[in-house]
Amino acid sequence: MKTSPTMENETIQLVSLPNKYSLSIKEKILYGVFKIVAPIVGAVANVVGGNSVAARSYLAIGLLGYANNYTSQNIDLLSKQAVLETANFVSPMAINDGNIFGMHRAYVRPHYATGFRFNATENADVFVFPDEFCSVMDRILWDRYNSIETQSAEYVNQVIADGYNPFDDYKVQWESTTFKLPWMVYALAVVPFALLVALLFKIISKK
């Protein structure tokens, strides 16, 4: 077991956790796209005075949201939830742990974390992720485990009914949260998809 220092003398436990999820081929491709585009998106965000964590998070939510058949409305809700859970992407969990949804350590459901740490503020073990993509993947795995309908107009109610957050005012806070998607996330995310479409067209045209 390895440990490394983090905030408030807490330690990150880098251990082999049970129920670690294996990415599908589609998800591996998307992860590759994220790893290529995310550093550029983050760098541009920093240059223009934005938040690099936010830019990378919106990119990951968009890639995995559409790939897993979430409606545009529910992808927006995932973005709003990330904003809410991270206090607009400035929380220690978002910055230090790659955890943009405040996910606690899971013992039963599949997950995509590489470790966990004890969070004194919440008095609980929270997941640690290498990047925002893994955090979004884990959030989607939570939905799958709880049989949440990705295209449901009652998405928020379903998530809350399955115990995502125990506070009574969570629904109001979630739905009233606003976010602004940086333009460069759209612009840069289109590039790898355009290249992929061009490659597929070239392969098909040769047949």
Protein backbone atom coordinates (compact mmCIF):
# COMPACT_ATOMS: atom_id res chain seq x y z
CA MET A 1 0.00 0.00 0.00
CA LYS A 2 1.32 3.46 -0.90
CA THR A 3 0.35 6.70 0.71
CA SER A 4 0.98 10.25 -0.35
CA PRO A 5 0.39 13.51 1.53
CA THR A 6 -2.66 15.58 0.72
CA MET A 7 -4.59 18.36 2.43
CA GLU A 8 -4.86 18.61 6.23
CA ASN A 9 -2.36 15.78 6.77
CA GLU A 10 -4.78 13.34 5.19
CA THR A 11 -3.42 10.51 3.05
CA ILE A 12 -4.49 9.06 -0.26
CA GLN A 13 -4.68 5.28 -0.16
CA LEU A 14 -3.48 3.91 -3.47
CA VAL A 15 -4.76 0.37 -3.20
CA SER A 16 -6.26 -2.28 -5.42
CA LEU A 17 -9.94 -1.63 -4.80
CA PRO A 18 -12.57 -4.31 -5.42
CA ASN A 19 -15.12 -3.98 -8.24
CA LYS A 20 -12.89 -1.81 -10.44
CA TYR A 21 -14.67 -1.31 -13.76
CA SER A 22 -13.01 -2.21 -17.07
CA LEU A 23 -13.66 0.29 -19.86
CA SER A 24 -15.39 -0.86 -23.03
CA ILE A 25 -13.67 -0.30 -26.38
CA LYS A 26 -15.86 2.76 -27.00
CA GLU A 27 -14.99 4.18 -23.59
CA LYS A 28 -11.28 3.54 -24.17
CA ILE A 29 -11.46 5.49 -27.43
CA LEU A 30 -13.24 8.35 -25.68
CA TYR A 31 -10.64 8.30 -22.93
CA GLY A 32 -7.96 8.58 -25.61
CA VAL A 33 -9.78 11.56 -27.12
CA PHE A 34 -10.04 13.14 -23.67
CA LYS A 35 -6.34 12.70 -22.96
CA ILE A 36 -5.48 14.41 -26.25
CA VAL A 37 -7.94 17.29 -26.02
CA ALA A 38 -8.15 17.92 -22.25
CA PRO A 39 -4.65 19.43 -21.82
CA ILE A 40 -5.34 21.86 -24.67
CA VAL A 41 -8.75 22.80 -23.28
CA GLY A 42 -7.26 23.29 -19.82
CA ALA A 43 -4.36 25.39 -21.12
CA VAL A 44 -6.67 27.62 -23.15
CA ALA A 45 -8.93 28.05 -20.12
CA ASN A 46 -5.97 29.19 -18.02
CA VAL A 47 -4.80 31.65 -20.70
CA VAL A 48 -8.21 33.31 -21.01
CA GLY A 49 -8.69 33.48 -17.26
CA GLY A 50 -11.05 30.52 -16.98
CA ASN A 51 -11.01 27.41 -14.81
CA SER A 52 -9.09 24.48 -16.32
CA VAL A 53 -10.82 21.96 -14.03
CA ALA A 54 -14.21 23.22 -15.21
CA ALA A 55 -13.21 23.08 -18.89
CA ARG A 56 -11.92 19.51 -18.61
CA SER A 57 -14.98 18.48 -16.60
CA TYR A 58 -17.44 19.82 -19.17
CA LEU A 59 -15.48 18.03 -21.89
CA ALA A 60 -15.64 14.70 -20.03
CA ILE A 61 -19.33 15.11 -19.22
CA GLY A 62 -20.13 15.83 -22.86
CA LEU A 63 -18.08 12.93 -24.25
CA LEU A 64 -19.40 10.32 -21.83
CA GLY A 65 -22.88 11.77 -21.57
CA TYR A 66 -23.66 11.54 -25.27
CA ALA A 67 -21.84 8.21 -25.60
CA ASN A 68 -24.10 6.75 -22.88
CA ASN A 69 -27.35 8.09 -24.38
CA TYR A 70 -28.05 10.86 -21.92
CA THR A 71 -30.34 13.53 -23.29
CA SER A 72 -28.95 17.04 -23.71
CA GLN A 73 -31.12 18.10 -20.79
CA ASN A 74 -29.67 15.41 -18.53
CA ILE A 75 -26.11 16.18 -19.66
CA ASP A 76 -26.81 19.75 -18.59
CA LEU A 77 -28.04 18.39 -15.26
CA LEU A 78 -24.80 16.45 -14.82
CA SER A 79 -22.89 19.66 -15.51
CA LYS A 80 -25.02 21.52 -12.98
CA GLN A 81 -24.46 18.80 -10.40
CA ALA A 82 -20.69 18.99 -10.91
CA VAL A 83 -20.83 22.76 -10.40
CA LEU A 84 -22.89 22.30 -7.24
CA GLU A 85 -20.72 19.54 -5.77
CA THR A 86 -17.46 21.40 -6.41
CA ALA A 87 -18.58 24.94 -5.54
CA ASN A 88 -17.93 25.83 -9.19
CA PHE A 89 -14.86 23.60 -9.53
CA VAL A 90 -12.79 25.09 -6.72
CA SER A 91 -13.27 22.46 -3.99
CA PRO A 92 -10.25 20.46 -2.72
CA MET A 93 -11.85 17.24 -3.99
CA ALA A 94 -12.15 18.66 -7.50
CA ILE A 95 -8.66 20.16 -7.59
CA ASN A 96 -6.64 17.53 -5.69
CA ASP A 97 -8.64 14.33 -6.13
CA GLY A 98 -10.19 14.71 -9.58
CA ASN A 99 -13.50 14.06 -7.82
CA ILE A 100 -16.06 16.43 -9.34
CA PHE A 101 -19.21 14.76 -8.02
CA GLY A 102 -18.26 14.33 -4.37
CA MET A 103 -18.32 10.55 -4.69
CA HIS A 104 -17.69 8.60 -1.50
CA ARG A 105 -15.84 5.31 -1.48
CA ALA A 106 -18.05 2.50 -2.84
CA TYR A 107 -17.87 -1.00 -1.44
CA VAL A 108 -20.40 -2.80 -3.64
CA ARG A 109 -21.08 -1.05 -6.94
CA PRO A 110 -18.59 -0.95 -9.84
CA HIS A 111 -16.40 2.15 -9.75
CA TYR A 112 -13.56 3.77 -11.65
CA ALA A 113 -11.43 5.18 -8.83
CA THR A 114 -7.74 4.57 -8.28
CA GLY A 115 -7.85 5.20 -4.56
CA PHE A 116 -9.55 6.99 -1.70
CA ARG A 117 -8.78 9.29 1.20
CA PHE A 118 -10.44 10.16 4.46
CA ASN A 119 -12.14 13.54 4.17
CA ALA A 120 -12.30 15.10 7.63
CA THR A 121 -14.84 17.69 6.47
CA GLU A 122 -17.36 15.00 5.54
CA ASN A 123 -16.07 12.40 8.03
CA ALA A 124 -16.00 9.81 5.25
CA ASP A 125 -13.72 8.12 2.73
CA VAL A 126 -13.96 9.83 -0.65
CA PHE A 127 -12.78 8.52 -3.99
CA VAL A 128 -9.65 9.76 -5.71
CA PHE A 129 -9.49 9.82 -9.52
CA PRO A 130 -6.56 10.53 -11.85
CA ASP A 131 -8.63 12.97 -13.90
CA GLU A 132 -12.11 14.32 -14.56
CA PHE A 133 -12.91 11.67 -17.17
CA CYS A 134 -12.57 8.92 -14.57
CA SER A 135 -14.76 10.89 -12.18
CA VAL A 136 -17.51 11.27 -14.79
CA MET A 137 -17.19 7.58 -15.70
CA ASP A 138 -17.70 6.73 -12.03
CA ARG A 139 -20.77 8.98 -11.86
CA ILE A 140 -22.24 7.17 -14.86
CA LEU A 141 -21.49 3.83 -13.20
CA TRP A 142 -23.50 5.04 -10.20
CA ASP A 143 -26.46 5.66 -12.51
CA ARG A 144 -26.09 2.23 -14.11
CA TYR A 145 -25.90 0.48 -10.75
CA ASN A 146 -29.06 2.23 -9.58
CA SER A 147 -30.89 1.71 -12.90
CA ILE A 148 -31.30 5.44 -13.52
CA GLU A 149 -32.88 6.18 -16.91
CA THR A 150 -30.50 8.36 -18.89
CA GLN A 151 -33.29 9.84 -21.03
CA SER A 152 -35.86 10.31 -18.31
CA ALA A 153 -37.49 13.68 -17.81
CA GLU A 154 -37.55 12.73 -14.12
CA TYR A 155 -33.78 12.23 -13.95
CA VAL A 156 -33.24 14.43 -10.91
CA ASN A 157 -36.06 12.78 -8.97
CA GLN A 158 -34.73 9.31 -9.78
CA VAL A 159 -31.21 10.17 -8.65
CA ILE A 160 -32.44 11.70 -5.40
CA ALA A 161 -34.81 8.79 -4.75
CA ASP A 162 -31.85 6.43 -4.92
CA GLY A 163 -30.11 8.33 -2.15
CA TYR A 164 -27.47 10.41 -3.90
CA ASN A 165 -27.74 13.16 -1.30
CA PRO A 166 -29.76 13.06 1.95
CA PHE A 167 -30.45 16.78 2.32
CA ASP A 168 -34.01 17.94 1.69
CA ASP A 169 -33.04 21.02 -0.31
CA TYR A 170 -30.65 19.19 -2.65
CA LYS A 171 -33.13 19.03 -5.52
CA VAL A 172 -33.77 22.77 -5.42
CA GLN A 173 -30.07 23.53 -5.22
CA TRP A 174 -29.27 21.16 -8.09
CA GLU A 175 -31.96 22.41 -10.47
CA SER A 176 -31.28 26.08 -9.70
CA THR A 177 -27.53 25.79 -10.28
CA THR A 178 -26.29 27.48 -13.44
CA PHE A 179 -23.21 26.90 -15.57
CA LYS A 180 -21.52 28.43 -18.59
CA LEU A 181 -19.84 26.09 -21.04
CA PRO A 182 -16.56 27.55 -22.38
CA TRP A 183 -16.60 27.92 -26.18
CA MET A 184 -13.22 26.17 -26.55
CA VAL A 185 -14.67 22.93 -25.16
CA TYR A 186 -17.01 22.79 -28.16
CA ALA A 187 -14.36 23.92 -30.63
CA LEU A 188 -11.58 21.57 -29.54
CA ALA A 189 -13.83 18.57 -28.90
CA VAL A 190 -14.97 18.69 -32.53
CA VAL A 191 -11.43 18.24 -33.88
CA PRO A 192 -10.80 14.58 -32.91
CA PHE A 193 -14.32 13.59 -33.97
CA ALA A 194 -13.82 15.24 -37.35
CA LEU A 195 -10.56 13.35 -37.81
CA LEU A 196 -12.23 10.09 -36.80
CA VAL A 197 -15.10 10.62 -39.26
CA ALA A 198 -12.60 11.42 -42.02
CA LEU A 199 -10.65 8.24 -41.25
CA LEU A 200 -13.78 6.09 -41.26
CA PHE A 201 -14.92 7.67 -44.55
CA LYS A 202 -11.51 6.91 -46.08
CA ILE A 203 -11.66 3.29 -44.93
CA ILE A 204 -15.21 2.80 -46.23
CA SER A 205 -14.43 4.43 -49.59
CA LYS A 206 -11.65 1.92 -50.22
CA LYS A 207 -14.03 -1.04 -49.92
